[in-house]
Amino acid sequence: MKTSRPILARIDPAALRRNYLHAKRLAPAAKAWAVVKADAYGHGLWRAMAGLREAADGFAVLEAETAIAMREAGIRQPILLLEGIFASRDRRAVLEYGLTAAVHCTDQLDMMLAPGPTASPLSIYLKLNTGMNRLGFSAGELPAALARLRGAAADITLMAHFAEADGARGVAWQMERFRAMTGGWRGPVSLANSASVLRHPDTHGDWVRPGIMLYGASPFADRSAAELGLEPVMSLESRIIAVQHIGAGERVGYGGTFAAEGPTRVGIVACGYADGYPRHAETGTPIAVLGRRTRTLGRVSMDMLACDLTSIPEAGIGAPVTLWGRGVAGEVPADEVASAAGTIAYELFCALAPRVPVEVGESGPG
């Protein structure tokens, strides 16, 4: 989609590939699922494929429809349905397209083991609830589930998901539960998300599941993506479309939440919450204009936001702006924007609006 409005998202598949290979280097004994759920975290599934198709050991998605489309596009690596099947009709897709399905409850197990033709063997990721308390079999339910799958000659991998791999509590308590539940299990396991890949090498097992780190954002509040060796994949860029000069006491935007302390030069940027920029980003959220960092001012509108150009006198109408990522106007980590808005980079990426045109290519200068 092309538009005359000066806003653009740029996706860098090469950076995505490098981030994936970085995850592989951190877990050298494991294979890695490239998690491309939610339209590759808002980056676009097929754009992500441009960087990952030849590199990835396998892909992890949510919907059977997505997996089918990938198979029909020639993707031959394993494809994991992270939440398994949602209806009995999805079992046919698992069998016909050679998919790997998570199984997290008895109802799903019943659907997967229903009478009828089966693959040889079924490829199942049996999910254990080790404390996340969303999905997974309990310790009491696990033996029966394993027995049924072994009776069906299924190829079984045990999986779990960490609740606090990015926090101070860490993963030791869940690893203890996992070991207690699985006893002498000698088969493959898949436990590690991005935070665990980066911080907890004892969790790597046979298959890791990097997600947000692939897209160049940090899973940690106390470590930046750059410190972790990750590159931004998405940049959101725009331009200055108006400049206002205001004096001390004058206010900017809806609700007048920003009041100038002195003479202030205000730039108006063609980007708002209808483009996916977080409405709750407060005054002071970082932004880059003409290669220099500055701040947003006031409340974000549907189609516009304001920024401080007082210290960038050369920036006028048409000056390039980087909202997040590595753009032509400079680099602004998505994690910093998200933190200022009280959210996480995952949400920024997934919220990119369909009206924003997207180009595929290398990021601009940092």
Protein backbone atom coordinates (compact mmCIF):
# COMPACT_ATOMS: atom_id res chain seq x y z
CA MET A 1 0.00 0.00 0.00
CA LYS A 2 1.32 3.44 -0.94
CA THR A 3 0.13 6.68 0.57
CA SER A 4 1.01 10.32 0.20
CA ARG A 5 1.13 10.66 3.97
CA PRO A 6 4.76 10.63 5.14
CA ILE A 7 4.74 7.59 7.41
CA LEU A 8 6.51 4.32 6.80
CA ALA A 9 7.46 1.12 8.60
CA ARG A 10 10.59 -0.62 7.39
CA ILE A 11 11.31 -4.30 8.05
CA ASP A 12 14.87 -5.62 7.83
CA PRO A 13 14.81 -9.41 7.20
CA ALA A 14 18.61 -9.59 7.35
CA ALA A 15 18.57 -8.26 10.91
CA LEU A 16 15.91 -10.82 11.78
CA ARG A 17 18.11 -13.59 10.42
CA ARG A 18 21.11 -12.33 12.39
CA ASN A 19 19.07 -12.26 15.60
CA TYR A 20 17.94 -15.84 14.97
CA LEU A 21 21.51 -16.98 14.39
CA HIS A 22 22.52 -15.18 17.59
CA ALA A 23 19.94 -17.25 19.47
CA LYS A 24 21.42 -20.37 17.88
CA ARG A 25 24.91 -19.40 19.02
CA LEU A 26 23.65 -18.98 22.58
CA ALA A 27 22.11 -22.46 22.57
CA PRO A 28 24.55 -24.40 20.37
CA ALA A 29 23.39 -27.86 21.42
CA ALA A 30 19.72 -27.15 20.71
CA LYS A 31 17.61 -26.59 17.65
CA ALA A 32 15.53 -23.39 17.57
CA TRP A 33 11.92 -22.80 16.68
CA ALA A 34 11.56 -19.35 15.11
CA VAL A 35 8.39 -18.10 16.76
CA VAL A 36 6.42 -16.27 14.07
CA LYS A 37 2.99 -16.18 15.71
CA ALA A 38 0.84 -13.04 15.54
CA ASP A 39 1.95 -12.35 11.96
CA ALA A 40 5.57 -12.55 13.09
CA TYR A 41 4.93 -10.19 16.01
CA GLY A 42 3.42 -7.63 13.66
CA HIS A 43 6.34 -7.70 11.22
CA GLY A 44 4.47 -9.72 8.60
CA LEU A 45 4.84 -13.48 8.27
CA TRP A 46 6.09 -13.46 4.68
CA ARG A 47 8.49 -10.61 5.35
CA ALA A 48 9.88 -12.67 8.21
CA MET A 49 10.21 -15.65 5.89
CA ALA A 50 12.54 -13.59 3.71
CA GLY A 51 15.02 -13.63 6.57
CA LEU A 52 14.28 -16.97 8.21
CA ARG A 53 13.24 -19.36 5.47
CA GLU A 54 16.70 -20.77 4.82
CA ALA A 55 18.05 -20.32 8.35
CA ALA A 56 15.41 -21.65 10.74
CA ASP A 57 15.30 -25.19 12.09
CA GLY A 58 11.54 -24.88 12.41
CA PHE A 59 8.70 -22.40 12.83
CA ALA A 60 6.19 -21.96 15.67
CA VAL A 61 2.73 -20.49 14.98
CA LEU A 62 -0.73 -20.53 16.55
CA GLU A 63 -3.26 -21.31 13.86
CA ALA A 64 -3.46 -24.36 11.63
CA GLU A 65 -4.42 -22.04 8.77
CA THR A 66 -1.10 -20.24 9.07
CA ALA A 67 0.79 -23.53 9.06
CA ILE A 68 -1.13 -24.72 5.99
CA ALA A 69 -0.30 -21.51 4.12
CA MET A 70 3.36 -21.97 4.99
CA ARG A 71 3.36 -25.56 3.76
CA GLU A 72 1.64 -24.56 0.53
CA ALA A 73 4.27 -21.85 0.06
CA GLY A 74 6.96 -24.52 0.17
CA ILE A 75 8.11 -24.32 3.80
CA ARG A 76 9.47 -27.78 4.56
CA GLN A 77 10.89 -27.35 8.06
CA PRO A 78 8.91 -28.60 11.06
CA ILE A 79 6.01 -26.35 12.04
CA LEU A 80 4.78 -26.33 15.63
CA LEU A 81 1.24 -25.34 16.62
CA LEU A 82 2.05 -23.70 19.95
CA GLU A 83 -1.46 -24.06 21.40
CA GLY A 84 -2.31 -27.24 19.53
CA ILE A 85 -5.60 -27.74 17.74
CA PHE A 86 -8.76 -25.85 18.63
CA ALA A 87 -11.28 -28.17 16.97
CA SER A 88 -11.33 -31.75 15.74
CA ARG A 89 -11.24 -30.58 12.12
CA ASP A 90 -7.73 -29.19 12.74
CA ARG A 91 -6.48 -32.75 13.29
CA ARG A 92 -6.79 -33.35 9.56
CA ALA A 93 -4.42 -30.44 8.89
CA VAL A 94 -1.90 -31.83 11.39
CA LEU A 95 -1.93 -35.16 9.60
CA GLU A 96 -2.11 -33.95 6.02
CA TYR A 97 0.57 -31.28 6.36
CA GLY A 98 2.89 -33.06 8.75
CA LEU A 99 2.58 -30.55 11.60
CA THR A 100 3.73 -30.84 15.19
CA ALA A 101 0.93 -30.11 17.66
CA ALA A 102 1.10 -29.06 21.28
CA VAL A 103 -1.34 -30.94 23.51
CA HIS A 104 -2.14 -29.19 26.78
CA CYS A 105 -5.34 -30.82 28.06
CA THR A 106 -7.31 -34.05 27.93
CA ASP A 107 -9.87 -32.66 25.48
CA GLN A 108 -7.09 -31.92 23.00
CA LEU A 109 -5.62 -35.34 23.56
CA ASP A 110 -8.99 -36.90 22.81
CA MET A 111 -9.19 -34.95 19.54
CA MET A 112 -5.67 -35.88 18.47
CA LEU A 113 -6.17 -39.58 19.27
CA ALA A 114 -9.66 -39.89 17.78
CA PRO A 115 -10.23 -42.96 15.56
CA GLY A 116 -9.19 -42.50 11.96
CA PRO A 117 -6.09 -42.27 9.79
CA THR A 118 -2.97 -41.18 11.62
CA ALA A 119 0.47 -39.99 10.66
CA SER A 120 3.32 -42.35 11.44
CA PRO A 121 4.06 -41.24 14.04
CA LEU A 122 2.11 -38.27 15.40
CA SER A 123 4.49 -35.49 16.45
CA ILE A 124 3.30 -34.16 19.80
CA TYR A 125 4.58 -31.51 22.19
CA LEU A 126 3.01 -32.49 25.51
CA LYS A 127 2.68 -29.36 27.60
CA LEU A 128 3.18 -29.41 31.37
CA ASN A 129 1.89 -26.82 33.81
CA THR A 130 4.91 -26.05 35.99
CA GLY A 131 3.54 -22.83 37.50
CA MET A 132 2.45 -20.53 34.69
CA ASN A 133 -1.10 -21.78 35.31
CA ARG A 134 -2.39 -21.06 31.81
CA LEU A 135 -2.04 -24.29 29.84
CA GLY A 136 -0.67 -27.74 30.55
CA PHE A 137 -1.16 -31.05 32.30
CA SER A 138 -0.73 -31.28 36.05
CA ALA A 139 1.55 -33.79 37.72
CA GLY A 140 -1.45 -36.00 38.44
CA GLU A 141 -2.68 -35.92 34.83
CA LEU A 142 0.67 -36.45 33.15
CA PRO A 143 1.17 -40.24 33.52
CA ALA A 144 -2.14 -41.08 31.84
CA ALA A 145 -1.49 -38.63 29.01
CA LEU A 146 1.96 -40.08 28.40
CA ALA A 147 0.58 -43.62 28.44
CA ARG A 148 -2.06 -42.77 25.84
CA LEU A 149 0.48 -41.13 23.54
CA ARG A 150 2.92 -44.00 23.90
CA GLY A 151 0.08 -46.36 23.06
CA ALA A 152 -0.45 -44.41 19.86
CA ALA A 153 3.29 -44.59 19.06
CA ALA A 154 3.51 -40.80 19.09
CA ASP A 155 6.80 -38.93 18.83
CA ILE A 156 6.69 -37.04 22.15
CA THR A 157 8.52 -33.91 23.29
CA LEU A 158 7.79 -32.44 26.73
CA MET A 159 7.34 -28.69 26.86
CA ALA A 160 6.66 -26.05 29.49
CA HIS A 161 6.62 -22.27 29.61
CA PHE A 162 8.40 -20.03 32.10
CA ALA A 163 6.45 -17.36 33.94
CA GLU A 164 9.36 -15.30 35.29
CA ALA A 165 12.43 -16.05 33.20
CA ASP A 166 12.86 -12.28 32.79
CA GLY A 167 12.58 -11.48 36.50
CA ALA A 168 14.38 -11.87 39.80
CA ARG A 169 12.57 -15.10 40.72
CA GLY A 170 13.94 -16.76 37.63
CA VAL A 171 13.25 -20.30 36.51
CA ALA A 172 14.77 -22.57 39.17
CA TRP A 173 11.46 -23.16 40.93
CA GLN A 174 9.79 -24.20 37.67
CA MET A 175 12.72 -26.39 36.68
CA GLU A 176 12.39 -28.18 40.03
CA ARG A 177 8.71 -28.80 39.35
CA PHE A 178 9.45 -29.98 35.83
CA ARG A 179 12.02 -32.49 37.05
CA ALA A 180 9.72 -33.71 39.79
CA MET A 181 6.88 -34.17 37.30
CA THR A 182 8.93 -35.92 34.63
CA GLY A 183 11.05 -38.19 36.80
CA GLY A 184 13.37 -40.24 34.65
CA TRP A 185 12.22 -38.81 31.29
CA ARG A 186 14.90 -39.39 28.68
CA GLY A 187 13.15 -37.93 25.66
CA PRO A 188 13.41 -34.45 24.12
CA VAL A 189 12.30 -31.31 25.93
CA SER A 190 11.51 -27.73 24.87
CA LEU A 191 11.45 -25.12 27.63
CA ALA A 192 13.36 -21.96 26.81
CA ASN A 193 11.76 -18.75 25.59
CA SER A 194 13.80 -15.65 24.66
CA ALA A 195 14.60 -14.70 28.24
CA SER A 196 15.73 -18.24 29.02
CA VAL A 197 17.82 -18.48 25.86
CA LEU A 198 19.62 -15.34 26.92
CA ARG A 199 19.87 -15.83 30.69
CA HIS A 200 19.34 -19.48 31.67
CA PRO A 201 21.49 -21.87 29.60
CA ASP A 202 20.54 -24.82 31.82
CA THR A 203 17.02 -24.65 30.30
CA HIS A 204 18.01 -24.94 26.64
CA GLY A 205 17.23 -28.64 26.24
CA ASP A 206 16.64 -29.97 22.73
CA TRP A 207 14.56 -27.16 21.18
CA VAL A 208 14.51 -23.50 22.24
CA ARG A 209 11.68 -21.13 21.32
CA PRO A 210 13.05 -17.60 20.76
CA GLY A 211 10.34 -15.04 20.12
CA ILE A 212 10.77 -11.34 20.93
CA MET A 213 14.56 -11.50 20.69
CA LEU A 214 14.24 -12.37 17.00
CA TYR A 215 12.64 -9.00 16.39
CA GLY A 216 15.37 -7.03 18.13
CA ALA A 217 13.73 -6.23 21.46
CA SER A 218 14.83 -7.17 24.95
CA PRO A 219 12.76 -9.41 27.22
CA PHE A 220 14.39 -7.75 30.24
CA ALA A 221 13.65 -4.46 31.95
CA ASP A 222 17.29 -4.08 33.00
CA ARG A 223 19.12 -4.99 29.79
CA SER A 224 18.82 -3.25 26.43
CA ALA A 225 18.55 -5.12 23.17
CA ALA A 226 21.90 -3.67 22.07
CA GLU A 227 23.56 -4.96 25.25
CA LEU A 228 22.18 -8.41 24.40
CA GLY A 229 23.63 -8.29 20.89
CA LEU A 230 20.26 -7.86 19.15
CA GLU A 231 19.45 -5.64 16.17
CA PRO A 232 16.18 -3.78 15.55
CA VAL A 233 14.12 -5.32 12.77
CA MET A 234 11.23 -2.85 12.52
CA SER A 235 11.59 0.91 12.22
CA LEU A 236 8.67 3.34 12.25
CA GLU A 237 9.45 6.59 10.51
CA SER A 238 7.65 9.79 9.55
CA ARG A 239 8.26 13.49 8.96
CA ILE A 240 7.55 16.87 10.50
CA ILE A 241 4.39 18.31 8.90
CA ALA A 242 4.10 21.57 10.90
CA VAL A 243 6.06 23.74 13.34
CA GLN A 244 4.57 25.87 16.11
CA HIS A 245 6.29 28.48 18.31
CA ILE A 246 4.83 28.80 21.79
CA GLY A 247 5.70 30.79 24.88
CA ALA A 248 5.92 29.99 28.57
CA GLY A 249 2.65 28.67 29.97
CA GLU A 250 1.16 27.69 26.62
CA ARG A 251 -0.05 24.13 26.29
CA VAL A 252 0.12 21.46 23.61
CA GLY A 253 -2.47 18.95 22.44
CA TYR A 254 -5.71 17.53 23.81
CA GLY A 255 -6.14 18.17 27.51
CA GLY A 256 -3.16 20.52 27.56
CA THR A 257 -1.09 17.96 29.42
CA PHE A 258 2.18 19.68 28.45
CA ALA A 259 2.79 23.30 29.50
CA ALA A 260 5.88 25.08 28.16
CA GLU A 261 8.28 26.43 30.78
CA GLY A 262 9.75 28.87 28.27
CA PRO A 263 9.85 29.59 24.53
CA THR A 264 9.42 26.24 22.82
CA ARG A 265 9.57 25.14 19.21
CA VAL A 266 7.04 22.34 18.63
CA GLY A 267 7.18 19.92 15.70
CA ILE A 268 4.07 18.08 14.61
CA VAL A 269 4.70 14.53 13.34
CA ALA A 270 2.46 12.56 11.00
CA CYS A 271 1.98 9.62 13.36
CA GLY A 272 -0.68 8.87 15.94
CA TYR A 273 -2.42 6.11 17.78
CA ALA A 274 -4.36 5.10 14.65
CA ASP A 275 -0.95 4.16 13.21
CA GLY A 276 -0.14 2.01 16.23
CA TYR A 277 1.84 4.54 18.25
CA PRO A 278 0.86 4.14 21.92
CA ARG A 279 -1.68 6.75 22.99
CA HIS A 280 -0.48 6.57 26.58
CA ALA A 281 3.08 7.60 25.73
CA GLU A 282 3.64 10.60 27.94
CA THR A 283 5.66 13.76 27.45
CA GLY A 284 9.32 12.79 27.36
CA THR A 285 8.98 9.64 25.27
CA PRO A 286 12.14 9.47 23.12
CA ILE A 287 11.99 10.35 19.44
CA ALA A 288 14.68 11.23 16.89
CA VAL A 289 14.61 14.10 14.41
CA LEU A 290 17.37 14.76 11.87
CA GLY A 291 19.71 12.38 13.66
CA ARG A 292 19.20 13.91 17.10
CA ARG A 293 17.27 12.58 20.06
CA THR A 294 14.49 14.67 21.54
CA ARG A 295 11.14 14.07 23.26
CA THR A 296 7.44 13.97 22.59
CA LEU A 297 5.20 16.69 24.03
CA GLY A 298 1.65 16.30 25.27
CA ARG A 299 -0.96 13.72 24.41
CA VAL A 300 -0.76 11.57 21.29
CA SER A 301 -3.62 12.24 18.85
CA MET A 302 -5.21 9.84 16.38
CA ASP A 303 -3.09 11.01 13.43
CA MET A 304 -0.40 13.26 14.94
CA LEU A 305 1.92 13.75 17.85
CA ALA A 306 4.09 16.66 18.95
CA CYS A 307 7.79 16.76 19.67
CA ASP A 308 10.28 19.28 21.02
CA LEU A 309 12.39 20.95 18.32
CA THR A 310 13.75 23.72 20.54
CA SER A 311 17.27 22.27 20.48
CA ILE A 312 17.07 21.29 16.78
CA PRO A 313 16.53 24.66 15.04
CA GLU A 314 17.45 23.24 11.64
CA ALA A 315 14.48 20.83 11.74
CA GLY A 316 11.55 22.20 9.76
CA ILE A 317 8.67 20.87 7.72
CA GLY A 318 9.75 17.69 5.98
CA ALA A 319 12.48 16.78 8.48
CA PRO A 320 12.71 13.00 8.94
CA VAL A 321 11.60 11.45 12.22
CA THR A 322 12.25 8.04 13.76
CA LEU A 323 9.50 6.93 16.14
CA TRP A 324 11.22 3.65 16.99
CA GLY A 325 13.85 1.39 15.50
CA ARG A 326 16.87 2.29 13.38
CA GLY A 327 15.60 4.89 10.93
CA VAL A 328 17.13 7.52 8.70
CA ALA A 329 16.60 10.11 11.44
CA GLY A 330 18.44 8.10 14.09
CA GLU A 331 17.92 5.14 16.40
CA VAL A 332 15.27 4.94 19.10
CA PRO A 333 15.00 1.55 20.81
CA ALA A 334 11.43 0.25 20.78
CA ASP A 335 11.94 -0.89 24.36
CA GLU A 336 12.45 2.72 25.48
CA VAL A 337 9.29 3.90 23.72
CA ALA A 338 7.34 1.01 25.21
CA SER A 339 8.64 1.68 28.70
CA ALA A 340 7.64 5.34 28.47
CA ALA A 341 4.15 4.22 27.44
CA GLY A 342 3.85 1.68 30.24
CA THR A 343 3.87 -1.29 27.89
CA ILE A 344 6.32 -3.66 26.16
CA ALA A 345 7.83 -3.73 22.68
CA TYR A 346 5.75 -6.82 21.82
CA GLU A 347 2.64 -4.62 21.92
CA LEU A 348 4.19 -1.85 19.83
CA PHE A 349 5.10 -4.28 17.05
CA CYS A 350 1.79 -6.14 17.09
CA ALA A 351 -0.19 -2.88 17.11
CA LEU A 352 1.29 -1.49 13.88
CA ALA A 353 -1.80 -0.43 11.95
CA PRO A 354 -2.71 -1.75 8.49
CA ARG A 355 -2.81 1.80 7.14
CA VAL A 356 0.94 2.20 7.66
CA PRO A 357 2.81 1.34 4.44
CA VAL A 358 5.61 -1.18 4.90
CA GLU A 359 8.86 -1.51 2.98
CA VAL A 360 11.31 -4.37 3.20
CA GLY A 361 14.97 -3.42 3.26
CA GLU A 362 17.92 -2.62 5.46
CA SER A 363 17.46 -0.26 8.35
CA GLY A 364 18.70 3.29 8.17
CA PRO A 365 21.80 4.57 9.96
CA GLY A 366 21.82 4.36 13.75
